[in-house]
């Protein structure tokens, strides 16, 4: 070195050196990284969507089961009669007052009554209709089949209640 001239070493960029490690990423590297993240996120997002749909279906199924149990309870606790449509309708109306989307839910009621056989060792038969001859005799055994259909029509549940004064 010559006297009077001083050489300083500097840190940072130097044209003769290779690229430093914190120079950043190329466009290709960024595109590949984003594509890989997208591929990885797709199954996670699909699982979330499936979970939300299953939750909604479970909620509707629980509501249908609740309305059905309520209707069966009303039939079971109601007075002995030939027609229990009012009790079932009241259960559906109760659900629609608590959840307005249930206004379009439907419930059906079917009736059968037991005709005992002439001999105690022979099985009797179930006859269609609510009561024999339109009136309720003493000792009548009825089978009331209640079906509740969700407002969207996709879910249907049925329950049978045996009603008797025996």
N, C-alpha and C. Protein backbone atom coordinates (compact mmCIF):
# COMPACT_ATOMS: atom_id res chain seq x y z
N UNK A 1 0.82 -1.18 0.00
CA UNK A 1 0.00 0.00 0.00
C UNK A 1 0.86 1.24 0.00
N UNK A 2 0.34 2.20 -0.63
CA UNK A 2 1.07 3.47 -0.63
C UNK A 2 0.70 4.28 0.57
N UNK A 3 1.65 5.09 0.92
CA UNK A 3 1.41 5.94 2.07
C UNK A 3 0.38 6.99 1.73
N UNK A 4 -0.46 7.28 2.65
CA UNK A 4 -1.46 8.32 2.47
C UNK A 4 -2.78 7.81 1.91
N UNK A 5 -2.78 6.68 1.35
CA UNK A 5 -4.04 6.13 0.84
C UNK A 5 -4.53 5.04 1.77
N UNK A 6 -5.73 5.15 2.09
CA UNK A 6 -6.30 4.19 3.02
C UNK A 6 -7.39 3.38 2.33
N UNK A 7 -7.40 2.08 2.52
CA UNK A 7 -8.41 1.22 1.91
C UNK A 7 -9.36 0.76 3.01
N UNK A 8 -10.62 0.97 2.77
CA UNK A 8 -11.61 0.54 3.75
C UNK A 8 -12.37 -0.66 3.21
N UNK A 9 -12.63 -1.55 4.10
CA UNK A 9 -13.46 -2.70 3.71
C UNK A 9 -14.91 -2.36 4.05
N UNK A 10 -15.78 -2.63 3.13
CA UNK A 10 -17.21 -2.36 3.36
C UNK A 10 -17.99 -3.66 3.33
N UNK A 11 -19.04 -3.67 4.07
CA UNK A 11 -19.94 -4.82 4.05
C UNK A 11 -21.04 -4.54 3.06
N UNK A 12 -21.65 -5.58 2.58
CA UNK A 12 -22.78 -5.40 1.68
C UNK A 12 -22.46 -5.87 0.29
N UNK A 13 -23.02 -5.22 -0.66
CA UNK A 13 -22.94 -5.67 -2.04
C UNK A 13 -21.56 -5.44 -2.61
N UNK A 14 -21.11 -6.44 -3.30
CA UNK A 14 -19.81 -6.34 -3.96
C UNK A 14 -19.97 -6.99 -5.32
N UNK A 15 -19.62 -6.32 -6.39
CA UNK A 15 -19.88 -6.87 -7.72
C UNK A 15 -19.11 -8.14 -8.01
N UNK A 16 -18.04 -8.40 -7.35
CA UNK A 16 -17.24 -9.58 -7.64
C UNK A 16 -17.66 -10.79 -6.81
N UNK A 17 -18.52 -10.61 -5.82
CA UNK A 17 -18.93 -11.71 -4.96
C UNK A 17 -20.21 -12.36 -5.48
N UNK A 18 -20.47 -13.59 -5.03
CA UNK A 18 -21.72 -14.28 -5.39
C UNK A 18 -22.88 -13.63 -4.63
N UNK A 19 -24.10 -13.92 -5.09
CA UNK A 19 -25.30 -13.34 -4.50
C UNK A 19 -25.38 -13.66 -3.01
N UNK A 20 -25.80 -12.72 -2.17
CA UNK A 20 -25.91 -12.98 -0.74
C UNK A 20 -27.17 -13.79 -0.45
N UNK A 21 -27.24 -14.39 0.73
CA UNK A 21 -28.33 -15.31 1.05
C UNK A 21 -29.67 -14.62 1.29
N UNK A 22 -29.73 -13.33 1.53
CA UNK A 22 -31.01 -12.65 1.78
C UNK A 22 -31.45 -11.80 0.61
N UNK A 23 -31.18 -12.26 -0.57
CA UNK A 23 -31.53 -11.49 -1.76
C UNK A 23 -32.99 -11.64 -2.15
N UNK A 24 -33.74 -12.69 -1.61
CA UNK A 24 -35.15 -12.87 -1.94
C UNK A 24 -35.37 -14.10 -2.79
N UNK A 25 -36.62 -14.25 -3.29
CA UNK A 25 -36.98 -15.42 -4.07
C UNK A 25 -37.27 -15.01 -5.50
N UNK A 26 -37.10 -15.93 -6.40
CA UNK A 26 -37.42 -15.65 -7.79
C UNK A 26 -38.93 -15.84 -7.99
N UNK A 27 -39.43 -15.34 -9.08
CA UNK A 27 -40.86 -15.46 -9.39
C UNK A 27 -41.26 -16.93 -9.50
N UNK A 28 -40.45 -17.74 -10.07
CA UNK A 28 -40.74 -19.17 -10.22
C UNK A 28 -40.89 -19.84 -8.86
N UNK A 29 -40.01 -19.52 -7.94
CA UNK A 29 -40.08 -20.10 -6.61
C UNK A 29 -41.37 -19.70 -5.90
N UNK A 30 -41.78 -18.46 -6.04
CA UNK A 30 -43.01 -17.97 -5.41
C UNK A 30 -44.22 -18.66 -6.02
N UNK A 31 -44.27 -18.80 -7.34
CA UNK A 31 -45.40 -19.45 -8.00
C UNK A 31 -45.51 -20.91 -7.57
N UNK A 32 -44.38 -21.61 -7.51
CA UNK A 32 -44.39 -23.01 -7.09
C UNK A 32 -44.86 -23.12 -5.64
N UNK A 33 -44.40 -22.24 -4.76
CA UNK A 33 -44.80 -22.27 -3.36
C UNK A 33 -46.30 -22.03 -3.20
N UNK A 34 -46.86 -21.07 -3.92
CA UNK A 34 -48.29 -20.77 -3.85
C UNK A 34 -49.10 -21.95 -4.38
N UNK A 35 -48.64 -22.57 -5.47
CA UNK A 35 -49.34 -23.73 -6.03
C UNK A 35 -49.35 -24.89 -5.04
N UNK A 36 -48.23 -25.14 -4.39
CA UNK A 36 -48.17 -26.22 -3.40
C UNK A 36 -49.06 -25.95 -2.20
N UNK A 37 -49.12 -24.71 -1.76
CA UNK A 37 -50.01 -24.36 -0.65
C UNK A 37 -51.47 -24.53 -1.06
N UNK A 38 -51.80 -24.16 -2.28
CA UNK A 38 -53.17 -24.34 -2.77
C UNK A 38 -53.57 -25.80 -2.83
N UNK A 39 -52.66 -26.64 -3.29
CA UNK A 39 -52.93 -28.08 -3.35
C UNK A 39 -53.10 -28.65 -1.94
N UNK A 40 -52.32 -28.18 -1.01
CA UNK A 40 -52.42 -28.66 0.37
C UNK A 40 -53.69 -28.16 1.06
N UNK A 41 -54.15 -26.98 0.73
CA UNK A 41 -55.33 -26.40 1.40
C UNK A 41 -56.64 -26.96 0.86
N UNK A 42 -56.64 -27.46 -0.38
CA UNK A 42 -57.88 -27.95 -0.98
C UNK A 42 -58.55 -29.05 -0.16
N UNK A 43 -57.86 -30.10 0.26
CA UNK A 43 -58.54 -31.12 1.09
C UNK A 43 -59.01 -30.58 2.43
N UNK A 44 -58.28 -29.66 2.99
CA UNK A 44 -58.69 -29.09 4.29
C UNK A 44 -59.98 -28.30 4.12
N UNK A 45 -60.08 -27.53 3.05
CA UNK A 45 -61.30 -26.75 2.79
C UNK A 45 -62.47 -27.67 2.47
N UNK A 46 -62.23 -28.74 1.71
CA UNK A 46 -63.31 -29.68 1.40
C UNK A 46 -63.80 -30.37 2.67
N UNK A 47 -62.90 -30.70 3.57
CA UNK A 47 -63.30 -31.31 4.84
C UNK A 47 -64.17 -30.35 5.64
N UNK A 48 -63.84 -29.08 5.61
CA UNK A 48 -64.65 -28.08 6.31
C UNK A 48 -66.05 -27.98 5.72
N UNK A 49 -66.15 -28.01 4.40
CA UNK A 49 -67.45 -27.93 3.74
C UNK A 49 -68.29 -29.15 4.08
N UNK A 50 -67.69 -30.33 4.02
CA UNK A 50 -68.41 -31.56 4.36
C UNK A 50 -68.88 -31.53 5.81
N UNK A 51 -68.05 -31.01 6.69
CA UNK A 51 -68.41 -30.91 8.11
C UNK A 51 -69.60 -29.99 8.32
N UNK A 52 -69.63 -28.87 7.62
CA UNK A 52 -70.76 -27.93 7.75
C UNK A 52 -72.04 -28.57 7.24
N UNK A 53 -71.97 -29.26 6.10
CA UNK A 53 -73.16 -29.92 5.56
C UNK A 53 -73.67 -31.00 6.50
N UNK A 54 -72.76 -31.80 7.03
CA UNK A 54 -73.16 -32.87 7.95
C UNK A 54 -73.80 -32.28 9.20
N UNK A 55 -73.26 -31.18 9.67
CA UNK A 55 -73.83 -30.52 10.85
C UNK A 55 -75.25 -30.04 10.58
N UNK A 56 -75.48 -29.48 9.41
CA UNK A 56 -76.82 -29.00 9.06
C UNK A 56 -77.80 -30.17 8.97
N UNK A 57 -77.37 -31.28 8.36
CA UNK A 57 -78.25 -32.45 8.26
C UNK A 57 -78.54 -33.04 9.63
N UNK A 58 -77.56 -33.04 10.50
CA UNK A 58 -77.76 -33.55 11.84
C UNK A 58 -78.75 -32.68 12.61
N UNK A 59 -78.67 -31.37 12.41
CA UNK A 59 -79.59 -30.45 13.07
C UNK A 59 -81.02 -30.71 12.62
N UNK A 60 -81.22 -30.91 11.31
CA UNK A 60 -82.56 -31.19 10.78
C UNK A 60 -83.06 -32.54 11.32
N UNK A 61 -82.19 -33.55 11.33
CA UNK A 61 -82.59 -34.87 11.84
C UNK A 61 -82.98 -34.79 13.31
N UNK A 62 -82.25 -34.02 14.08
CA UNK A 62 -82.59 -33.87 15.51
C UNK A 62 -83.95 -33.19 15.67
N UNK A 63 -84.23 -32.22 14.84
CA UNK A 63 -85.52 -31.51 14.92
C UNK A 63 -86.67 -32.46 14.53
N UNK A 64 -86.46 -33.26 13.48
CA UNK A 64 -87.49 -34.22 13.07
C UNK A 64 -87.74 -35.22 14.20
N UNK A 65 -86.67 -35.72 14.81
CA UNK A 65 -86.82 -36.66 15.92
C UNK A 65 -87.55 -36.02 17.10
N UNK A 66 -87.26 -34.76 17.36
CA UNK A 66 -87.92 -34.06 18.47
C UNK A 66 -89.42 -33.90 18.20
N UNK A 67 -89.77 -33.48 16.98
CA UNK A 67 -91.18 -33.32 16.63
C UNK A 67 -91.89 -34.67 16.69
N UNK A 68 -91.24 -35.71 16.20
CA UNK A 68 -91.84 -37.03 16.22
C UNK A 68 -92.06 -37.53 17.65
N UNK A 69 -91.07 -37.35 18.51
CA UNK A 69 -91.22 -37.77 19.91
C UNK A 69 -92.31 -36.96 20.61
N UNK A 70 -92.39 -35.66 20.29
CA UNK A 70 -93.42 -34.81 20.87
C UNK A 70 -94.81 -35.28 20.42
N UNK A 71 -94.94 -35.60 19.14
CA UNK A 71 -96.24 -36.07 18.63
C UNK A 71 -96.62 -37.40 19.27
N UNK A 72 -95.66 -38.32 19.37
CA UNK A 72 -95.95 -39.62 19.99
C UNK A 72 -96.33 -39.45 21.45
N UNK A 73 -95.67 -38.54 22.15
CA UNK A 73 -96.00 -38.30 23.55
C UNK A 73 -97.41 -37.72 23.69
N UNK A 74 -97.77 -36.82 22.79
CA UNK A 74 -99.12 -36.24 22.84
C UNK A 74 -100.19 -37.30 22.58
N UNK A 75 -99.91 -38.20 21.64
CA UNK A 75 -100.85 -39.29 21.36
C UNK A 75 -100.95 -40.21 22.57
N UNK A 76 -99.81 -40.56 23.15
CA UNK A 76 -99.78 -41.47 24.28
C UNK A 76 -100.50 -40.90 25.50
N UNK A 77 -100.33 -39.60 25.73
CA UNK A 77 -100.95 -38.97 26.91
C UNK A 77 -102.38 -38.51 26.67
N UNK A 78 -102.78 -38.45 25.39
CA UNK A 78 -104.12 -37.97 25.07
C UNK A 78 -105.20 -38.96 25.50
N UNK A 79 -106.43 -38.49 25.51
CA UNK A 79 -107.54 -39.36 25.89
C UNK A 79 -107.76 -40.41 24.80
N UNK A 80 -108.34 -41.55 25.19
CA UNK A 80 -108.63 -42.58 24.21
C UNK A 80 -109.67 -42.05 23.24
N UNK A 81 -109.35 -42.17 21.96
CA UNK A 81 -110.21 -41.62 20.92
C UNK A 81 -109.98 -42.44 19.65
N UNK A 82 -110.71 -42.11 18.61
CA UNK A 82 -110.49 -42.76 17.32
C UNK A 82 -109.50 -41.98 16.46
N UNK A 83 -109.41 -40.69 16.65
CA UNK A 83 -108.58 -39.84 15.79
C UNK A 83 -107.61 -39.02 16.64
N UNK A 84 -106.32 -39.13 16.33
CA UNK A 84 -105.29 -38.40 17.07
C UNK A 84 -104.58 -37.37 16.18
N UNK A 85 -105.22 -37.00 15.08
CA UNK A 85 -104.61 -36.04 14.15
C UNK A 85 -104.35 -34.69 14.81
N UNK A 86 -105.27 -34.26 15.69
CA UNK A 86 -105.09 -32.96 16.35
C UNK A 86 -103.83 -32.94 17.22
N UNK A 87 -103.56 -34.04 17.91
CA UNK A 87 -102.37 -34.10 18.76
C UNK A 87 -101.09 -34.02 17.93
N UNK A 88 -101.07 -34.72 16.80
CA UNK A 88 -99.89 -34.71 15.92
C UNK A 88 -99.72 -33.34 15.29
N UNK A 89 -100.82 -32.75 14.86
CA UNK A 89 -100.76 -31.42 14.26
C UNK A 89 -100.27 -30.39 15.29
N UNK A 90 -100.68 -30.53 16.53
CA UNK A 90 -100.22 -29.61 17.58
C UNK A 90 -98.71 -29.71 17.78
N UNK A 91 -98.16 -30.91 17.66
CA UNK A 91 -96.70 -31.08 17.81
C UNK A 91 -95.96 -30.38 16.67
N UNK A 92 -96.47 -30.49 15.45
CA UNK A 92 -95.82 -29.82 14.31
C UNK A 92 -95.97 -28.31 14.43
N UNK A 93 -97.14 -27.85 14.86
CA UNK A 93 -97.35 -26.41 15.02
C UNK A 93 -96.46 -25.85 16.12
N UNK A 94 -96.25 -26.62 17.16
CA UNK A 94 -95.36 -26.18 18.24
C UNK A 94 -93.94 -26.00 17.70
N UNK A 95 -93.51 -26.89 16.83
CA UNK A 95 -92.17 -26.77 16.23
C UNK A 95 -92.09 -25.56 15.32
N UNK A 96 -93.17 -25.27 14.58
CA UNK A 96 -93.12 -24.14 13.65
C UNK A 96 -93.18 -22.79 14.36
N UNK A 97 -93.73 -22.74 15.57
CA UNK A 97 -93.72 -21.47 16.30
C UNK A 97 -92.33 -21.18 16.85
N UNK A 98 -91.57 -22.23 17.15
CA UNK A 98 -90.20 -22.04 17.65
C UNK A 98 -89.20 -21.86 16.53
N UNK A 99 -89.47 -22.41 15.36
CA UNK A 99 -88.58 -22.30 14.20
C UNK A 99 -89.45 -22.07 12.96
N UNK A 100 -89.55 -20.82 12.50
CA UNK A 100 -90.46 -20.51 11.39
C UNK A 100 -90.23 -21.32 10.12
N UNK A 101 -89.00 -21.79 9.90
CA UNK A 101 -88.75 -22.59 8.69
C UNK A 101 -89.48 -23.93 8.73
N UNK A 102 -90.03 -24.29 9.90
CA UNK A 102 -90.75 -25.56 10.03
C UNK A 102 -92.23 -25.44 9.70
N UNK A 103 -92.66 -24.31 9.15
CA UNK A 103 -94.06 -24.17 8.75
C UNK A 103 -94.43 -25.16 7.66
N UNK A 104 -93.45 -25.55 6.82
CA UNK A 104 -93.73 -26.45 5.70
C UNK A 104 -93.51 -27.92 6.06
N UNK A 105 -93.24 -28.21 7.31
CA UNK A 105 -93.07 -29.61 7.72
C UNK A 105 -94.43 -30.30 7.68
N UNK A 106 -94.42 -31.57 7.39
CA UNK A 106 -95.68 -32.31 7.33
C UNK A 106 -95.61 -33.53 8.25
N UNK A 107 -96.77 -33.92 8.70
CA UNK A 107 -96.89 -35.11 9.53
C UNK A 107 -98.14 -35.85 9.08
N UNK A 108 -98.02 -37.16 9.03
CA UNK A 108 -99.17 -37.98 8.66
C UNK A 108 -99.42 -38.99 9.78
N UNK A 109 -100.67 -39.41 9.87
CA UNK A 109 -101.06 -40.38 10.89
C UNK A 109 -101.85 -41.49 10.21
N UNK A 110 -101.46 -42.74 10.52
CA UNK A 110 -102.19 -43.89 10.02
C UNK A 110 -102.62 -44.73 11.22
N UNK A 111 -103.78 -45.34 11.09
CA UNK A 111 -104.35 -46.09 12.22
C UNK A 111 -104.60 -47.54 11.84
N UNK A 112 -104.42 -48.40 12.84
CA UNK A 112 -104.82 -49.79 12.74
C UNK A 112 -105.36 -50.19 14.12
N UNK A 113 -106.31 -51.09 14.14
CA UNK A 113 -106.81 -51.59 15.41
C UNK A 113 -106.70 -53.10 15.41
N UNK A 114 -106.55 -53.63 16.63
CA UNK A 114 -106.29 -55.07 16.78
C UNK A 114 -107.59 -55.83 16.90
N UNK A 115 -107.74 -56.83 16.03
CA UNK A 115 -108.90 -57.73 16.07
C UNK A 115 -108.42 -59.04 16.67
N UNK A 116 -108.79 -59.32 17.92
CA UNK A 116 -108.33 -60.58 18.53
C UNK A 116 -108.96 -61.79 17.83
N UNK A 117 -108.22 -62.87 17.89
CA UNK A 117 -108.72 -64.12 17.29
C UNK A 117 -109.77 -64.74 18.20
N UNK A 118 -110.51 -65.69 17.66
CA UNK A 118 -111.57 -66.36 18.44
C UNK A 118 -110.97 -67.26 19.51
N UNK A 119 -109.77 -67.75 19.26
CA UNK A 119 -109.12 -68.65 20.22
C UNK A 119 -107.91 -67.94 20.84
N UNK A 120 -107.67 -68.11 22.13
CA UNK A 120 -106.53 -67.45 22.76
C UNK A 120 -105.17 -67.97 22.27
N UNK A 121 -105.12 -69.10 21.61
CA UNK A 121 -103.85 -69.64 21.11
C UNK A 121 -103.58 -69.23 19.67
N UNK A 122 -104.51 -68.54 19.06
CA UNK A 122 -104.36 -68.07 17.68
C UNK A 122 -104.09 -66.57 17.69
N UNK A 123 -103.19 -66.14 16.79
CA UNK A 123 -102.89 -64.71 16.70
C UNK A 123 -104.05 -63.93 16.10
N UNK A 124 -104.23 -62.72 16.59
CA UNK A 124 -105.22 -61.84 16.01
C UNK A 124 -104.63 -61.10 14.81
N UNK A 125 -105.39 -60.16 14.27
CA UNK A 125 -104.92 -59.41 13.09
C UNK A 125 -105.08 -57.92 13.33
N UNK A 126 -104.26 -57.14 12.64
CA UNK A 126 -104.39 -55.69 12.66
C UNK A 126 -105.25 -55.27 11.47
N UNK A 127 -106.32 -54.55 11.76
CA UNK A 127 -107.25 -54.09 10.73
C UNK A 127 -107.02 -52.60 10.46
N UNK A 128 -107.19 -52.18 9.22
CA UNK A 128 -107.02 -50.76 8.87
C UNK A 128 -108.15 -49.93 9.45
N UNK A 129 -107.83 -48.70 9.78
CA UNK A 129 -108.82 -47.77 10.31
C UNK A 129 -108.54 -47.43 11.75
N UNK A 130 -109.17 -46.36 12.20
CA UNK A 130 -108.93 -45.90 13.56
C UNK A 130 -109.71 -46.71 14.58
N UNK A 131 -110.98 -46.95 14.30
CA UNK A 131 -111.83 -47.69 15.23
C UNK A 131 -112.79 -48.56 14.42
N UNK A 132 -113.22 -49.70 14.96
CA UNK A 132 -114.19 -50.52 14.24
C UNK A 132 -115.57 -49.85 14.26
N UNK A 133 -116.11 -49.64 13.07
CA UNK A 133 -117.43 -49.04 12.98
C UNK A 133 -117.47 -47.55 13.30
N UNK A 134 -116.31 -46.89 13.44
CA UNK A 134 -116.27 -45.45 13.67
C UNK A 134 -116.42 -45.02 15.12
N UNK A 135 -116.56 -45.96 16.04
CA UNK A 135 -116.61 -45.58 17.46
C UNK A 135 -115.61 -46.45 18.23
N UNK A 136 -115.23 -45.99 19.40
CA UNK A 136 -114.21 -46.68 20.19
C UNK A 136 -114.87 -47.58 21.23
N UNK A 137 -114.77 -48.90 21.06
CA UNK A 137 -115.31 -49.81 22.07
C UNK A 137 -114.32 -49.97 23.23
N UNK A 138 -114.79 -50.44 24.36
CA UNK A 138 -113.92 -50.71 25.50
C UNK A 138 -112.94 -51.82 25.14
N UNK A 139 -111.72 -51.71 25.61
CA UNK A 139 -110.71 -52.74 25.38
C UNK A 139 -110.04 -52.68 24.03
N UNK A 140 -110.27 -51.61 23.27
CA UNK A 140 -109.67 -51.50 21.93
C UNK A 140 -108.17 -51.24 22.03
N UNK A 141 -107.41 -51.92 21.18
CA UNK A 141 -105.96 -51.70 21.06
C UNK A 141 -105.72 -51.09 19.68
N UNK A 142 -105.12 -49.90 19.67
CA UNK A 142 -104.83 -49.20 18.41
C UNK A 142 -103.33 -49.11 18.20
N UNK A 143 -102.94 -49.14 16.94
CA UNK A 143 -101.56 -48.87 16.56
C UNK A 143 -101.60 -47.59 15.71
N UNK A 144 -100.98 -46.54 16.25
CA UNK A 144 -100.96 -45.24 15.58
C UNK A 144 -99.57 -45.05 14.99
N UNK A 145 -99.48 -44.92 13.67
CA UNK A 145 -98.20 -44.74 12.99
C UNK A 145 -98.08 -43.27 12.60
N UNK A 146 -97.06 -42.60 13.16
CA UNK A 146 -96.85 -41.18 12.92
C UNK A 146 -95.61 -41.02 12.05
N UNK A 147 -95.73 -40.24 10.98
CA UNK A 147 -94.60 -39.96 10.10
C UNK A 147 -94.41 -38.46 10.03
N UNK A 148 -93.19 -38.00 10.27
CA UNK A 148 -92.86 -36.58 10.19
C UNK A 148 -91.84 -36.40 9.06
N UNK A 149 -92.11 -35.42 8.20
CA UNK A 149 -91.22 -35.11 7.07
C UNK A 149 -90.68 -33.70 7.26
N UNK A 150 -89.38 -33.55 7.10
CA UNK A 150 -88.73 -32.24 7.28
C UNK A 150 -89.25 -31.25 6.24
N UNK A 151 -89.09 -29.94 6.51
CA UNK A 151 -89.60 -28.93 5.59
C UNK A 151 -89.03 -29.04 4.18
N UNK A 152 -87.77 -29.46 4.05
CA UNK A 152 -87.18 -29.59 2.71
C UNK A 152 -87.54 -30.92 2.05
N UNK A 153 -88.23 -31.81 2.77
CA UNK A 153 -88.67 -33.08 2.23
C UNK A 153 -87.58 -34.13 2.11
N UNK A 154 -86.39 -33.85 2.59
CA UNK A 154 -85.27 -34.78 2.44
C UNK A 154 -85.19 -35.81 3.56
N UNK A 155 -85.85 -35.56 4.66
CA UNK A 155 -85.72 -36.46 5.80
C UNK A 155 -87.10 -36.85 6.32
N UNK A 156 -87.28 -38.13 6.56
CA UNK A 156 -88.57 -38.64 7.03
C UNK A 156 -88.31 -39.67 8.12
N UNK A 157 -89.06 -39.56 9.20
CA UNK A 157 -88.96 -40.51 10.30
C UNK A 157 -90.36 -40.97 10.68
N UNK A 158 -90.45 -42.23 11.11
CA UNK A 158 -91.74 -42.82 11.47
C UNK A 158 -91.63 -43.49 12.84
N UNK A 159 -92.72 -43.39 13.61
CA UNK A 159 -92.78 -44.02 14.92
C UNK A 159 -94.18 -44.61 15.09
N UNK A 160 -94.25 -45.75 15.76
CA UNK A 160 -95.53 -46.36 16.05
C UNK A 160 -95.82 -46.31 17.54
N UNK A 161 -97.06 -45.95 17.86
CA UNK A 161 -97.49 -45.88 19.25
C UNK A 161 -98.68 -46.83 19.38
N UNK A 162 -98.61 -47.71 20.35
CA UNK A 162 -99.74 -48.61 20.63
C UNK A 162 -100.53 -47.99 21.76
N UNK A 163 -101.80 -47.78 21.51
CA UNK A 163 -102.67 -47.09 22.48
C UNK A 163 -103.80 -48.03 22.85
N UNK A 164 -104.00 -48.21 24.14
CA UNK A 164 -105.12 -49.06 24.58
C UNK A 164 -105.56 -48.64 25.98
N UNK A 165 -106.74 -49.09 26.35
CA UNK A 165 -107.24 -48.83 27.71
C UNK A 165 -107.27 -50.14 28.48
N UNK A 166 -106.51 -51.11 28.02
CA UNK A 166 -106.45 -52.42 28.67
C UNK A 166 -105.50 -52.38 29.83
